Amino acid sequence: MSRVGKKPIQVPDKTRISYKDKAITVAGEKGSLTIEIHPDIDLKIEGGFINVSTISDDRSGRALQGLTRSLVNNMITGVNKGFERVLEINGIGYRAELKGKSIVFSLGFSHPVVFDLPDGISAAVEKNTIVKLSGIDKEKLGLAAASIRKLKPPEPYKGKGIKYSEERIQKKAGKTGTK
């Protein structure tokens, strides 16, 4: 059995959970999320806890058990607390500006880059160089943050570009002059 999958998930008091036809819906203070559960996995909701179990005890079933437990736990955390991802922009003249449901980046290109935020993701720009993304769906939030970082990834010599706030850029030594 999966170590992660065996742990029960505690359900907070204000969270409503419905499970039928292999689909689980979690509703909380910030919104609601729904996912389809794999046919080899079964959920048991009893006494304020959710237990994830496998129907077949093969290798893929155990892997799916841990995956399903993590997904359901992330759903419960998302609808109650939400998730946040912080991106930093480094470079002279590089900045971001929020315009409605899109972010306009100036990243040293000949044109501004416009990034439209997906549904359910909100953004805040601080000091023109710090972008804070937040939402209840951890998967959508991670994809949006990765797409923004992909616009101008940090380069290894000066560290210019967009990076996650917790990311550390390993800088390379530049050329040495020869005489």
Protein backbone atom coordinates (compact mmCIF):
# COMPACT_ATOMS: atom_id res chain seq x y z
CA MET A 1 0.00 0.00 0.00
CA SER A 2 1.03 3.59 -0.60
CA ARG A 3 2.28 5.40 2.51
CA VAL A 4 0.68 8.64 1.41
CA GLY A 5 -2.52 6.91 0.32
CA LYS A 6 -3.03 5.14 3.66
CA LYS A 7 -3.22 8.39 5.66
CA PRO A 8 -6.81 9.53 6.28
CA ILE A 9 -7.78 13.05 5.22
CA GLN A 10 -9.36 15.18 7.94
CA VAL A 11 -12.35 17.19 6.75
CA PRO A 12 -12.80 20.64 8.39
CA ASP A 13 -16.19 21.51 9.88
CA LYS A 14 -17.24 24.10 7.28
CA THR A 15 -16.43 21.85 4.30
CA ARG A 16 -19.20 20.03 2.43
CA ILE A 17 -18.30 16.86 0.52
CA SER A 18 -20.44 14.85 -1.87
CA TYR A 19 -19.28 11.65 -3.56
CA LYS A 20 -21.36 9.81 -6.15
CA ASP A 21 -20.79 8.17 -9.52
CA LYS A 22 -16.98 8.25 -9.04
CA ALA A 23 -16.97 12.07 -8.80
CA ILE A 24 -16.12 13.99 -5.64
CA THR A 25 -17.24 17.58 -5.06
CA VAL A 26 -15.68 19.63 -2.28
CA ALA A 27 -17.29 22.96 -1.32
CA GLY A 28 -15.91 25.44 1.21
CA GLU A 29 -15.64 29.13 2.05
CA LYS A 30 -13.73 30.08 -1.13
CA GLY A 31 -15.63 27.98 -3.69
CA SER A 32 -16.09 24.42 -4.89
CA LEU A 33 -14.04 21.92 -6.91
CA THR A 34 -14.97 18.64 -8.62
CA ILE A 35 -12.81 15.81 -9.96
CA GLU A 36 -13.44 12.35 -11.41
CA ILE A 37 -11.98 9.43 -9.43
CA HIS A 38 -10.23 6.56 -11.26
CA PRO A 39 -12.30 3.33 -11.44
CA ASP A 40 -9.63 1.37 -9.48
CA ILE A 41 -9.93 3.74 -6.47
CA ASP A 42 -12.71 3.98 -3.89
CA LEU A 43 -13.37 6.66 -1.25
CA LYS A 44 -15.00 6.11 2.15
CA ILE A 45 -16.30 9.19 3.97
CA GLU A 46 -17.02 8.53 7.64
CA GLY A 47 -16.72 10.48 10.88
CA GLY A 48 -15.08 13.61 9.51
CA PHE A 49 -12.35 11.66 7.68
CA ILE A 50 -11.89 10.45 4.09
CA ASN A 51 -10.10 7.15 3.50
CA VAL A 52 -8.75 6.28 0.04
CA SER A 53 -8.58 2.58 -0.82
CA THR A 54 -7.70 0.54 -3.89
CA ILE A 55 -9.91 -2.04 -5.56
CA SER A 56 -6.92 -3.87 -7.08
CA ASP A 57 -3.68 -4.26 -5.11
CA ASP A 58 -1.25 -4.00 -8.03
CA ARG A 59 1.50 -1.42 -8.50
CA SER A 60 -0.58 1.04 -10.53
CA GLY A 61 -3.43 0.82 -8.02
CA ARG A 62 -1.13 1.76 -5.14
CA ALA A 63 0.28 4.68 -7.14
CA LEU A 64 -3.23 5.89 -7.98
CA GLN A 65 -4.17 5.63 -4.29
CA GLY A 66 -1.44 8.10 -3.27
CA LEU A 67 -2.24 10.39 -6.20
CA THR A 68 -5.96 10.45 -5.41
CA ARG A 69 -5.32 11.15 -1.73
CA SER A 70 -3.05 14.09 -2.62
CA LEU A 71 -5.58 15.50 -5.10
CA VAL A 72 -8.48 15.31 -2.63
CA ASN A 73 -6.34 16.81 0.16
CA ASN A 74 -5.33 19.69 -2.15
CA MET A 75 -8.99 20.26 -3.01
CA ILE A 76 -9.91 20.51 0.69
CA THR A 77 -7.01 22.87 1.41
CA GLY A 78 -7.84 24.99 -1.65
CA VAL A 79 -11.51 25.58 -0.87
CA ASN A 80 -10.71 26.48 2.76
CA LYS A 81 -7.40 28.38 2.65
CA GLY A 82 -6.50 28.76 -1.02
CA PHE A 83 -3.06 28.61 -2.62
CA GLU A 84 -0.61 31.35 -3.56
CA ARG A 85 2.41 31.48 -5.87
CA VAL A 86 4.83 34.44 -5.95
CA LEU A 87 6.95 35.32 -9.00
CA GLU A 88 9.79 37.87 -9.11
CA ILE A 89 10.92 39.82 -12.16
CA ASN A 90 14.63 40.68 -12.31
CA GLY A 91 16.23 42.93 -14.91
CA ILE A 92 16.58 46.61 -15.77
CA GLY A 93 13.34 47.90 -17.26
CA TYR A 94 11.50 44.62 -16.65
CA ARG A 95 8.11 45.13 -15.04
CA ALA A 96 4.51 43.93 -14.87
CA GLU A 97 1.19 45.77 -14.80
CA LEU A 98 -2.27 44.41 -14.05
CA LYS A 99 -5.01 45.39 -16.52
CA GLY A 100 -8.35 43.75 -15.75
CA LYS A 101 -8.04 39.96 -16.11
CA SER A 102 -4.63 40.14 -17.79
CA ILE A 103 -1.06 41.02 -16.89
CA VAL A 104 1.07 43.14 -19.23
CA PHE A 105 4.80 42.41 -19.02
CA SER A 106 7.68 44.55 -20.28
CA LEU A 107 10.51 42.02 -20.62
CA GLY A 108 13.04 43.64 -22.94
CA PHE A 109 11.26 42.57 -26.11
CA SER A 110 10.24 45.07 -28.79
CA HIS A 111 6.62 44.65 -27.70
CA PRO A 112 4.75 44.23 -24.41
CA VAL A 113 3.71 40.65 -23.59
CA VAL A 114 0.08 40.19 -22.49
CA PHE A 115 -0.80 37.17 -20.33
CA ASP A 116 -4.51 36.43 -19.84
CA LEU A 117 -5.27 34.87 -16.46
CA PRO A 118 -7.29 31.62 -16.51
CA ASP A 119 -10.66 31.44 -14.75
CA GLY A 120 -10.36 31.00 -11.00
CA ILE A 121 -6.88 32.60 -10.78
CA SER A 122 -6.41 36.14 -9.48
CA ALA A 123 -3.25 38.23 -9.50
CA ALA A 124 -1.75 41.18 -7.68
CA VAL A 125 1.33 43.14 -8.76
CA GLU A 126 3.50 44.75 -6.07
CA LYS A 127 6.31 47.23 -6.77
CA ASN A 128 6.04 46.45 -10.52
CA THR A 129 8.34 43.42 -10.08
CA ILE A 130 6.50 41.01 -7.78
CA VAL A 131 3.49 39.08 -9.14
CA LYS A 132 1.32 37.20 -6.63
CA LEU A 133 -1.03 34.60 -8.10
CA SER A 134 -3.76 33.04 -5.96
CA GLY A 135 -6.59 30.57 -6.44
CA ILE A 136 -8.30 27.50 -5.05
CA ASP A 137 -7.16 24.98 -7.69
CA LYS A 138 -3.49 24.09 -7.10
CA GLU A 139 -3.08 22.55 -10.56
CA LYS A 140 -4.40 25.62 -12.45
CA LEU A 141 -2.31 27.90 -10.25
CA GLY A 142 0.89 25.95 -10.94
CA LEU A 143 0.21 25.89 -14.68
CA ALA A 144 -0.41 29.65 -14.76
CA ALA A 145 2.78 30.35 -12.78
CA ALA A 146 4.81 28.06 -15.06
CA SER A 147 3.37 29.75 -18.16
CA ILE A 148 4.34 33.19 -16.83
CA ARG A 149 7.85 31.99 -15.94
CA LYS A 150 8.17 30.52 -19.46
CA LEU A 151 7.72 34.01 -21.00
CA LYS A 152 11.28 34.96 -19.94
CA PRO A 153 13.08 32.27 -17.88
CA PRO A 154 16.01 33.49 -15.77
CA GLU A 155 19.31 33.38 -17.62
CA PRO A 156 22.35 31.92 -15.84
CA TYR A 157 24.82 34.81 -16.21
CA LYS A 158 23.03 37.83 -14.72
CA GLY A 159 19.82 36.19 -13.46
CA LYS A 160 17.58 38.40 -15.60
CA GLY A 161 14.06 37.08 -16.20
CA ILE A 162 11.05 35.77 -14.27
CA LYS A 163 11.61 33.33 -11.41
CA TYR A 164 9.68 31.86 -8.49
CA SER A 165 10.36 33.70 -5.22
CA GLU A 166 11.77 30.57 -3.55
CA GLU A 167 13.87 29.63 -6.59
CA ARG A 168 17.61 30.17 -6.40
CA ILE A 169 19.46 30.86 -9.65
CA GLN A 170 22.88 29.20 -9.93
CA LYS A 171 24.96 31.85 -11.70
CA LYS A 172 27.76 30.93 -14.10
CA ALA A 173 31.07 32.71 -14.42
CA GLY A 174 31.32 34.86 -17.53
CA LYS A 175 34.11 34.94 -20.09
CA THR A 176 37.59 35.71 -18.94
CA GLY A 177 39.63 38.13 -21.02
CA THR A 178 42.69 36.70 -22.79
CA LYS A 179 45.80 38.64 -23.67
